[in-house]
Amino acid sequence: MHLQLTPEQSNDFHEALLHAFRNYDDLRLMLRHQLNKRLEEITAPKALNLVVLEILESAESEGWLYDLLQAARNQKPGNPRLKSFEASLTIPIKPEASQAENPIESALQGLESGDFVNFFEEMEKVTPSDQRTTLSQLRGQYIAGNLPYNFPQRLRLFALDIQKLLK
């Protein structure tokens, strides 16, 4: 399930995570045990509210917000703030963006929702021949599952560079 939050919901999720996980190590354990993610690959130790913010930003940009919520609920099943936040999601979640008018917009929308297949399909339609090697390398990384933590950002930059080239 893809989860896209309004700013208010994002703030509520942030607060719920802070309430449930009181330190960096608690968050590290939850991410590793529940999602097989390494917190140190997302952010360095710092003020806990900033660590949680960076986790939320990563989850949002990489499409695993819903998984993060489920992982937090599994790790801290009795936490009232997490329960309350999850229950609040039956109330408006930000609607999905309408279908993009051009392939690059559609690719970027797909990327925002974690749909890498759509990203590559749309970019294939508009990538100039001199940039196909880069697109193929990025697709190869995706297919091989060899994804660095900043892979969505790299794809976004590639799409924006192609957009500039086409103008």
N, C-alpha and C. Protein backbone atom coordinates (compact mmCIF):
# COMPACT_ATOMS: atom_id res chain seq x y z
N MET A 1 0.84 -1.19 0.00
CA MET A 1 0.00 0.00 0.00
C MET A 1 0.87 1.23 0.00
N HIS A 2 0.57 2.16 -0.89
CA HIS A 2 1.31 3.41 -0.95
C HIS A 2 0.64 4.42 -0.03
N LEU A 3 1.45 5.12 0.73
CA LEU A 3 0.94 6.09 1.68
C LEU A 3 1.54 7.45 1.35
N GLN A 4 0.68 8.42 1.16
CA GLN A 4 1.11 9.78 0.90
C GLN A 4 0.40 10.66 1.92
N LEU A 5 1.16 11.38 2.71
CA LEU A 5 0.59 12.11 3.84
C LEU A 5 0.44 13.60 3.55
N THR A 6 -0.57 14.19 4.16
CA THR A 6 -0.70 15.65 4.16
C THR A 6 0.36 16.18 5.13
N PRO A 7 0.67 17.47 5.08
CA PRO A 7 1.64 18.02 6.05
C PRO A 7 1.23 17.78 7.50
N GLU A 8 -0.05 17.90 7.80
CA GLU A 8 -0.52 17.66 9.17
C GLU A 8 -0.31 16.20 9.57
N GLN A 9 -0.62 15.27 8.67
CA GLN A 9 -0.43 13.85 8.95
C GLN A 9 1.05 13.53 9.13
N SER A 10 1.88 14.16 8.31
CA SER A 10 3.32 13.96 8.42
C SER A 10 3.82 14.42 9.80
N ASN A 11 3.34 15.56 10.26
CA ASN A 11 3.71 16.06 11.58
C ASN A 11 3.22 15.10 12.67
N ASP A 12 2.00 14.59 12.53
CA ASP A 12 1.46 13.64 13.51
C ASP A 12 2.29 12.35 13.56
N PHE A 13 2.70 11.87 12.38
CA PHE A 13 3.52 10.66 12.32
C PHE A 13 4.86 10.92 13.00
N HIS A 14 5.45 12.07 12.72
CA HIS A 14 6.71 12.47 13.34
C HIS A 14 6.59 12.43 14.86
N GLU A 15 5.53 13.04 15.38
CA GLU A 15 5.32 13.08 16.84
C GLU A 15 5.08 11.68 17.40
N ALA A 16 4.34 10.86 16.68
CA ALA A 16 4.07 9.50 17.15
C ALA A 16 5.36 8.68 17.22
N LEU A 17 6.22 8.83 16.22
CA LEU A 17 7.50 8.10 16.24
C LEU A 17 8.38 8.58 17.40
N LEU A 18 8.40 9.88 17.64
CA LEU A 18 9.19 10.41 18.76
C LEU A 18 8.67 9.88 20.09
N HIS A 19 7.36 9.75 20.19
CA HIS A 19 6.75 9.24 21.43
C HIS A 19 7.09 7.75 21.63
N ALA A 20 7.09 7.00 20.54
CA ALA A 20 7.30 5.56 20.63
C ALA A 20 8.78 5.17 20.76
N PHE A 21 9.64 5.91 20.10
CA PHE A 21 11.07 5.57 20.07
C PHE A 21 11.85 6.72 20.70
N ARG A 22 12.34 6.48 21.90
CA ARG A 22 12.90 7.56 22.72
C ARG A 22 14.38 7.84 22.45
N ASN A 23 15.04 7.00 21.63
CA ASN A 23 16.45 7.27 21.35
C ASN A 23 16.85 6.66 20.01
N TYR A 24 18.03 7.03 19.58
CA TYR A 24 18.57 6.61 18.29
C TYR A 24 18.63 5.09 18.19
N ASP A 25 19.08 4.43 19.26
CA ASP A 25 19.22 2.97 19.22
C ASP A 25 17.88 2.25 19.09
N ASP A 26 16.83 2.78 19.72
CA ASP A 26 15.49 2.18 19.55
C ASP A 26 15.04 2.24 18.10
N LEU A 27 15.28 3.39 17.47
CA LEU A 27 14.93 3.54 16.05
C LEU A 27 15.78 2.61 15.19
N ARG A 28 17.06 2.51 15.52
CA ARG A 28 17.97 1.66 14.76
C ARG A 28 17.51 0.20 14.81
N LEU A 29 17.13 -0.26 16.00
CA LEU A 29 16.65 -1.64 16.14
C LEU A 29 15.36 -1.88 15.34
N MET A 30 14.43 -0.94 15.43
CA MET A 30 13.17 -1.10 14.71
C MET A 30 13.42 -1.17 13.20
N LEU A 31 14.22 -0.25 12.68
CA LEU A 31 14.48 -0.24 11.24
C LEU A 31 15.18 -1.52 10.79
N ARG A 32 16.14 -1.97 11.57
CA ARG A 32 16.90 -3.16 11.19
C ARG A 32 16.07 -4.43 11.31
N HIS A 33 15.38 -4.57 12.43
CA HIS A 33 14.62 -5.81 12.67
C HIS A 33 13.33 -5.90 11.87
N GLN A 34 12.69 -4.78 11.67
CA GLN A 34 11.38 -4.79 11.01
C GLN A 34 11.48 -4.55 9.49
N LEU A 35 12.44 -3.72 9.06
CA LEU A 35 12.50 -3.33 7.65
C LEU A 35 13.82 -3.70 6.96
N ASN A 36 14.73 -4.28 7.73
CA ASN A 36 16.05 -4.62 7.21
C ASN A 36 16.75 -3.39 6.59
N LYS A 37 16.59 -2.26 7.26
CA LYS A 37 17.25 -1.02 6.83
C LYS A 37 18.22 -0.60 7.91
N ARG A 38 19.31 0.01 7.49
CA ARG A 38 20.33 0.49 8.42
C ARG A 38 20.16 1.99 8.64
N LEU A 39 19.90 2.36 9.87
CA LEU A 39 19.69 3.77 10.19
C LEU A 39 20.91 4.61 9.83
N GLU A 40 22.09 4.06 10.01
CA GLU A 40 23.30 4.81 9.69
C GLU A 40 23.44 5.11 8.19
N GLU A 41 22.70 4.39 7.35
CA GLU A 41 22.70 4.70 5.92
C GLU A 41 21.66 5.77 5.58
N ILE A 42 20.78 6.06 6.51
CA ILE A 42 19.76 7.09 6.33
C ILE A 42 20.22 8.41 6.94
N THR A 43 20.78 8.33 8.15
CA THR A 43 21.21 9.54 8.85
C THR A 43 22.23 9.18 9.92
N ALA A 44 23.01 10.18 10.30
CA ALA A 44 23.98 10.03 11.38
C ALA A 44 23.30 10.36 12.71
N PRO A 45 23.87 9.90 13.81
CA PRO A 45 23.30 10.27 15.11
C PRO A 45 23.30 11.79 15.29
N LYS A 46 22.19 12.30 15.73
CA LYS A 46 22.01 13.73 15.99
C LYS A 46 20.76 13.88 16.82
N ALA A 47 20.26 15.09 16.99
CA ALA A 47 19.04 15.30 17.77
C ALA A 47 17.95 14.37 17.25
N LEU A 48 17.25 13.71 18.15
CA LEU A 48 16.29 12.67 17.78
C LEU A 48 15.19 13.19 16.85
N ASN A 49 14.72 14.42 17.07
CA ASN A 49 13.67 14.93 16.19
C ASN A 49 14.18 15.07 14.75
N LEU A 50 15.46 15.36 14.56
CA LEU A 50 16.03 15.44 13.21
C LEU A 50 16.23 14.05 12.61
N VAL A 51 16.60 13.10 13.45
CA VAL A 51 16.75 11.71 12.97
C VAL A 51 15.40 11.21 12.46
N VAL A 52 14.35 11.43 13.24
CA VAL A 52 13.01 10.99 12.83
C VAL A 52 12.58 11.70 11.55
N LEU A 53 12.87 13.00 11.46
CA LEU A 53 12.54 13.74 10.24
C LEU A 53 13.22 13.14 9.02
N GLU A 54 14.49 12.81 9.14
CA GLU A 54 15.23 12.24 8.01
C GLU A 54 14.73 10.84 7.66
N ILE A 55 14.32 10.07 8.65
CA ILE A 55 13.72 8.76 8.38
C ILE A 55 12.43 8.95 7.58
N LEU A 56 11.59 9.88 8.02
CA LEU A 56 10.32 10.14 7.32
C LEU A 56 10.57 10.63 5.89
N GLU A 57 11.55 11.50 5.71
CA GLU A 57 11.86 12.01 4.37
C GLU A 57 12.34 10.88 3.46
N SER A 58 13.19 10.00 3.99
CA SER A 58 13.65 8.84 3.20
C SER A 58 12.49 7.93 2.85
N ALA A 59 11.68 7.63 3.84
CA ALA A 59 10.54 6.73 3.61
C ALA A 59 9.59 7.32 2.58
N GLU A 60 9.38 8.62 2.64
CA GLU A 60 8.48 9.28 1.68
C GLU A 60 9.08 9.26 0.28
N SER A 61 10.34 9.63 0.16
CA SER A 61 10.95 9.71 -1.17
C SER A 61 11.16 8.33 -1.80
N GLU A 62 11.32 7.30 -0.97
CA GLU A 62 11.58 5.96 -1.49
C GLU A 62 10.34 5.06 -1.48
N GLY A 63 9.21 5.61 -1.00
CA GLY A 63 7.96 4.87 -1.07
C GLY A 63 7.74 3.81 0.00
N TRP A 64 8.33 3.97 1.19
CA TRP A 64 8.11 2.97 2.23
C TRP A 64 7.50 3.56 3.51
N LEU A 65 6.72 4.63 3.39
CA LEU A 65 6.05 5.21 4.55
C LEU A 65 5.10 4.22 5.22
N TYR A 66 4.29 3.54 4.43
CA TYR A 66 3.34 2.57 4.98
C TYR A 66 4.10 1.46 5.71
N ASP A 67 5.19 0.98 5.10
CA ASP A 67 6.00 -0.05 5.73
C ASP A 67 6.59 0.44 7.05
N LEU A 68 6.99 1.72 7.08
CA LEU A 68 7.52 2.30 8.31
C LEU A 68 6.46 2.30 9.40
N LEU A 69 5.26 2.69 9.05
CA LEU A 69 4.18 2.69 10.04
C LEU A 69 3.94 1.27 10.56
N GLN A 70 3.87 0.31 9.69
CA GLN A 70 3.64 -1.08 10.11
C GLN A 70 4.79 -1.58 10.97
N ALA A 71 6.02 -1.22 10.61
CA ALA A 71 7.18 -1.64 11.39
C ALA A 71 7.15 -1.04 12.79
N ALA A 72 6.82 0.24 12.87
CA ALA A 72 6.74 0.91 14.17
C ALA A 72 5.64 0.27 15.03
N ARG A 73 4.50 -0.02 14.42
CA ARG A 73 3.38 -0.65 15.15
C ARG A 73 3.76 -2.06 15.61
N ASN A 74 4.49 -2.80 14.78
CA ASN A 74 4.94 -4.14 15.16
C ASN A 74 5.93 -4.09 16.31
N GLN A 75 6.83 -3.12 16.26
CA GLN A 75 7.87 -3.00 17.29
C GLN A 75 7.29 -2.48 18.61
N LYS A 76 6.32 -1.58 18.52
CA LYS A 76 5.72 -0.96 19.71
C LYS A 76 4.20 -1.09 19.63
N PRO A 77 3.66 -2.32 19.69
CA PRO A 77 2.23 -2.53 19.46
C PRO A 77 1.31 -1.82 20.45
N GLY A 78 1.79 -1.54 21.65
CA GLY A 78 0.93 -0.91 22.64
C GLY A 78 1.02 0.60 22.68
N ASN A 79 1.82 1.18 21.80
CA ASN A 79 2.01 2.63 21.87
C ASN A 79 0.74 3.36 21.44
N PRO A 80 0.16 4.19 22.33
CA PRO A 80 -1.10 4.85 22.01
C PRO A 80 -0.99 5.89 20.89
N ARG A 81 0.14 6.57 20.79
CA ARG A 81 0.28 7.59 19.74
C ARG A 81 0.34 6.94 18.36
N LEU A 82 1.05 5.82 18.24
CA LEU A 82 1.09 5.12 16.95
C LEU A 82 -0.28 4.57 16.59
N LYS A 83 -0.98 4.00 17.60
CA LYS A 83 -2.33 3.49 17.35
C LYS A 83 -3.25 4.61 16.87
N SER A 84 -3.17 5.73 17.54
CA SER A 84 -4.01 6.88 17.21
C SER A 84 -3.69 7.40 15.81
N PHE A 85 -2.41 7.47 15.50
CA PHE A 85 -2.03 7.95 14.16
C PHE A 85 -2.55 7.00 13.09
N GLU A 86 -2.36 5.70 13.30
CA GLU A 86 -2.83 4.73 12.31
C GLU A 86 -4.35 4.84 12.13
N ALA A 87 -5.06 4.99 13.23
CA ALA A 87 -6.52 5.12 13.16
C ALA A 87 -6.93 6.39 12.41
N SER A 88 -6.13 7.44 12.53
CA SER A 88 -6.47 8.71 11.86
C SER A 88 -6.34 8.62 10.35
N LEU A 89 -5.69 7.61 9.85
CA LEU A 89 -5.46 7.51 8.40
C LEU A 89 -6.70 7.13 7.62
N THR A 90 -7.78 6.81 8.29
CA THR A 90 -9.03 6.59 7.58
C THR A 90 -9.61 7.93 7.13
N ILE A 91 -9.07 9.00 7.69
CA ILE A 91 -9.45 10.36 7.32
C ILE A 91 -8.51 10.79 6.21
N PRO A 92 -8.84 11.80 5.43
CA PRO A 92 -8.19 12.10 4.16
C PRO A 92 -6.68 11.96 4.11
N ILE A 93 -6.28 11.10 3.24
CA ILE A 93 -4.88 11.00 2.85
C ILE A 93 -4.78 11.79 1.55
N LYS A 94 -3.68 12.49 1.37
CA LYS A 94 -3.53 13.33 0.19
C LYS A 94 -3.81 12.52 -1.06
N PRO A 95 -4.70 13.01 -1.95
CA PRO A 95 -5.03 12.25 -3.15
C PRO A 95 -3.83 12.12 -4.07
N GLU A 96 -3.80 11.02 -4.77
CA GLU A 96 -2.74 10.82 -5.76
C GLU A 96 -2.83 11.90 -6.83
N ALA A 97 -1.67 12.29 -7.31
CA ALA A 97 -1.64 13.31 -8.37
C ALA A 97 -2.29 12.72 -9.62
N SER A 98 -2.92 13.59 -10.38
CA SER A 98 -3.54 13.12 -11.62
C SER A 98 -2.46 12.74 -12.62
N GLN A 99 -2.83 12.01 -13.60
CA GLN A 99 -1.89 11.53 -14.61
C GLN A 99 -1.15 12.71 -15.24
N ALA A 100 0.13 12.62 -15.30
CA ALA A 100 0.96 13.70 -15.83
C ALA A 100 0.73 13.88 -17.32
N GLU A 101 0.95 15.11 -17.77
CA GLU A 101 0.76 15.42 -19.18
C GLU A 101 1.95 14.99 -20.02
N ASN A 102 3.15 14.99 -19.46
CA ASN A 102 4.29 14.58 -20.26
C ASN A 102 5.06 13.46 -19.57
N PRO A 103 5.86 12.72 -20.31
CA PRO A 103 6.53 11.54 -19.75
C PRO A 103 7.46 11.86 -18.57
N ILE A 104 8.15 12.99 -18.59
CA ILE A 104 9.06 13.30 -17.49
C ILE A 104 8.26 13.57 -16.22
N GLU A 105 7.16 14.31 -16.33
CA GLU A 105 6.30 14.54 -15.16
C GLU A 105 5.76 13.21 -14.64
N SER A 106 5.34 12.36 -15.54
CA SER A 106 4.81 11.05 -15.15
C SER A 106 5.90 10.22 -14.48
N ALA A 107 7.12 10.27 -15.02
CA ALA A 107 8.24 9.53 -14.43
C ALA A 107 8.52 10.03 -13.02
N LEU A 108 8.51 11.34 -12.84
CA LEU A 108 8.77 11.92 -11.51
C LEU A 108 7.65 11.57 -10.53
N GLN A 109 6.42 11.56 -11.01
CA GLN A 109 5.30 11.16 -10.14
C GLN A 109 5.44 9.70 -9.74
N GLY A 110 5.82 8.86 -10.69
CA GLY A 110 6.04 7.45 -10.38
C GLY A 110 7.15 7.28 -9.35
N LEU A 111 8.19 8.06 -9.51
CA LEU A 111 9.32 8.01 -8.58
C LEU A 111 8.89 8.40 -7.17
N GLU A 112 8.06 9.43 -7.06
CA GLU A 112 7.56 9.87 -5.75
C GLU A 112 6.79 8.76 -5.04
N SER A 113 6.11 7.93 -5.82
CA SER A 113 5.34 6.85 -5.20
C SER A 113 6.11 5.53 -5.15
N GLY A 114 7.40 5.59 -5.51
CA GLY A 114 8.22 4.38 -5.44
C GLY A 114 8.04 3.45 -6.62
N ASP A 115 7.42 3.92 -7.70
CA ASP A 115 7.18 3.09 -8.88
C ASP A 115 8.34 3.27 -9.87
N PHE A 116 9.42 2.53 -9.63
CA PHE A 116 10.61 2.64 -10.47
C PHE A 116 10.35 2.13 -11.88
N VAL A 117 9.52 1.11 -12.02
CA VAL A 117 9.22 0.57 -13.35
C VAL A 117 8.59 1.65 -14.22
N ASN A 118 7.62 2.38 -13.68
CA ASN A 118 7.00 3.48 -14.42
C ASN A 118 8.04 4.54 -14.76
N PHE A 119 8.92 4.84 -13.82
CA PHE A 119 9.96 5.84 -14.07
C PHE A 119 10.76 5.46 -15.32
N PHE A 120 11.25 4.22 -15.35
CA PHE A 120 12.08 3.80 -16.47
C PHE A 120 11.28 3.74 -17.77
N GLU A 121 10.03 3.30 -17.71
CA GLU A 121 9.20 3.26 -18.92
C GLU A 121 9.00 4.66 -19.50
N GLU A 122 8.69 5.61 -18.64
CA GLU A 122 8.44 6.98 -19.10
C GLU A 122 9.72 7.64 -19.60
N MET A 123 10.81 7.42 -18.90
CA MET A 123 12.08 8.04 -19.31
C MET A 123 12.57 7.46 -20.63
N GLU A 124 12.26 6.21 -20.87
CA GLU A 124 12.63 5.57 -22.15
C GLU A 124 12.03 6.32 -23.34
N LYS A 125 10.84 6.89 -23.13
CA LYS A 125 10.15 7.59 -24.20
C LYS A 125 10.84 8.88 -24.63
N VAL A 126 11.59 9.50 -23.71
CA VAL A 126 12.11 10.85 -24.00
C VAL A 126 13.63 10.99 -23.90
N THR A 127 14.31 9.98 -23.40
CA THR A 127 15.76 10.11 -23.22
C THR A 127 16.47 10.12 -24.56
N PRO A 128 17.26 11.18 -24.82
CA PRO A 128 18.01 11.26 -26.08
C PRO A 128 19.02 10.12 -26.18
N SER A 129 19.39 9.76 -27.39
CA SER A 129 20.26 8.61 -27.62
C SER A 129 21.61 8.75 -26.90
N ASP A 130 22.12 9.96 -26.78
CA ASP A 130 23.42 10.13 -26.12
C ASP A 130 23.34 9.95 -24.60
N GLN A 131 22.14 9.85 -24.05
CA GLN A 131 21.95 9.64 -22.62
C GLN A 131 21.43 8.23 -22.29
N ARG A 132 21.25 7.41 -23.33
CA ARG A 132 20.68 6.07 -23.12
C ARG A 132 21.58 5.17 -22.28
N THR A 133 22.90 5.35 -22.41
CA THR A 133 23.82 4.53 -21.63
C THR A 133 23.61 4.77 -20.14
N THR A 134 23.47 6.03 -19.75
CA THR A 134 23.24 6.35 -18.34
C THR A 134 21.92 5.75 -17.87
N LEU A 135 20.87 5.89 -18.68
CA LEU A 135 19.57 5.32 -18.32
C LEU A 135 19.68 3.80 -18.17
N SER A 136 20.40 3.16 -19.08
CA SER A 136 20.58 1.70 -19.00
C SER A 136 21.35 1.29 -17.75
N GLN A 137 22.35 2.08 -17.38
CA GLN A 137 23.12 1.78 -16.16
C GLN A 137 22.23 1.90 -14.92
N LEU A 138 21.41 2.94 -14.88
CA LEU A 138 20.50 3.12 -13.75
C LEU A 138 19.49 1.98 -13.68
N ARG A 139 18.95 1.59 -14.83
CA ARG A 139 18.00 0.48 -14.87
C ARG A 139 18.68 -0.81 -14.42
N GLY A 140 19.91 -1.03 -14.86
CA GLY A 140 20.67 -2.21 -14.46
C GLY A 140 20.86 -2.28 -12.95
N GLN A 141 21.15 -1.13 -12.34
CA GLN A 141 21.28 -1.08 -10.88
C GLN A 141 19.97 -1.49 -10.22
N TYR A 142 18.86 -0.98 -10.76
CA TYR A 142 17.55 -1.29 -10.20
C TYR A 142 17.25 -2.79 -10.33
N ILE A 143 17.48 -3.34 -11.51
CA ILE A 143 17.20 -4.76 -11.76
C ILE A 143 18.06 -5.65 -10.87
N ALA A 144 19.33 -5.25 -10.69
CA ALA A 144 20.23 -6.04 -9.86
C ALA A 144 19.94 -5.90 -8.37
N GLY A 145 19.12 -4.92 -8.03
CA GLY A 145 18.81 -4.69 -6.62
C GLY A 145 19.95 -4.02 -5.88
N ASN A 146 20.89 -3.48 -6.64
CA ASN A 146 22.07 -2.83 -6.06
C ASN A 146 21.79 -1.33 -5.93
N LEU A 147 20.92 -0.96 -4.98
CA LEU A 147 20.46 0.41 -4.87
C LEU A 147 21.11 1.14 -3.71
N PRO A 148 21.87 2.20 -4.01
CA PRO A 148 22.41 3.02 -2.93
C PRO A 148 21.28 3.78 -2.25
N TYR A 149 21.52 4.27 -1.04
CA TYR A 149 20.47 4.96 -0.28
C TYR A 149 19.91 6.16 -1.03
N ASN A 150 20.70 6.78 -1.90
CA ASN A 150 20.25 7.99 -2.60
C ASN A 150 19.77 7.68 -4.02
N PHE A 151 19.41 6.45 -4.30
CA PHE A 151 19.00 6.07 -5.66
C PHE A 151 17.82 6.89 -6.17
N PRO A 152 16.75 7.08 -5.39
CA PRO A 152 15.64 7.91 -5.90
C PRO A 152 16.08 9.33 -6.25
N GLN A 153 16.98 9.88 -5.45
CA GLN A 153 17.47 11.23 -5.74
C GLN A 153 18.27 11.25 -7.04
N ARG A 154 19.06 10.21 -7.26
CA ARG A 154 19.84 10.13 -8.51
C ARG A 154 18.91 10.04 -9.72
N LEU A 155 17.84 9.25 -9.60
CA LEU A 155 16.88 9.15 -10.70
C LEU A 155 16.19 10.49 -10.95
N ARG A 156 15.84 11.16 -9.88
CA ARG A 156 15.18 12.47 -10.01
C ARG A 156 16.10 13.46 -10.73
N LEU A 157 17.38 13.50 -10.33
CA LEU A 157 18.33 14.41 -10.97
C LEU A 157 18.51 14.06 -12.45
N PHE A 158 18.55 12.76 -12.75
CA PHE A 158 18.66 12.34 -14.14
C PHE A 158 17.47 12.86 -14.95
N ALA A 159 16.27 12.69 -14.42
CA ALA A 159 15.06 13.15 -15.12
C ALA A 159 15.09 14.65 -15.31
N LEU A 160 15.50 15.39 -14.29
CA LEU A 160 15.54 16.85 -14.41
C LEU A 160 16.62 17.28 -15.41
N ASP A 161 17.73 16.56 -15.47
CA ASP A 161 18.77 16.87 -16.48
C ASP A 161 18.24 16.63 -17.89
N ILE A 162 17.52 15.54 -18.07
CA ILE A 162 16.93 15.25 -19.39
C ILE A 162 15.93 16.34 -19.75
N GLN A 163 15.14 16.76 -18.78
CA GLN A 163 14.16 17.81 -19.03
C GLN A 163 14.86 19.09 -19.51
N LYS A 164 15.97 19.43 -18.88
CA LYS A 164 16.74 20.63 -19.29
C LYS A 164 17.28 20.46 -20.71
N LEU A 165 17.79 19.25 -21.01
CA LEU A 165 18.34 19.01 -22.35
C LEU A 165 17.27 19.14 -23.44
N LEU A 166 16.04 18.78 -23.10
CA LEU A 166 14.98 18.79 -24.10
C LEU A 166 14.38 20.18 -24.33
N LYS A 167 14.68 21.11 -23.43
CA LYS A 167 14.11 22.45 -23.58
C LYS A 167 14.90 23.30 -24.54
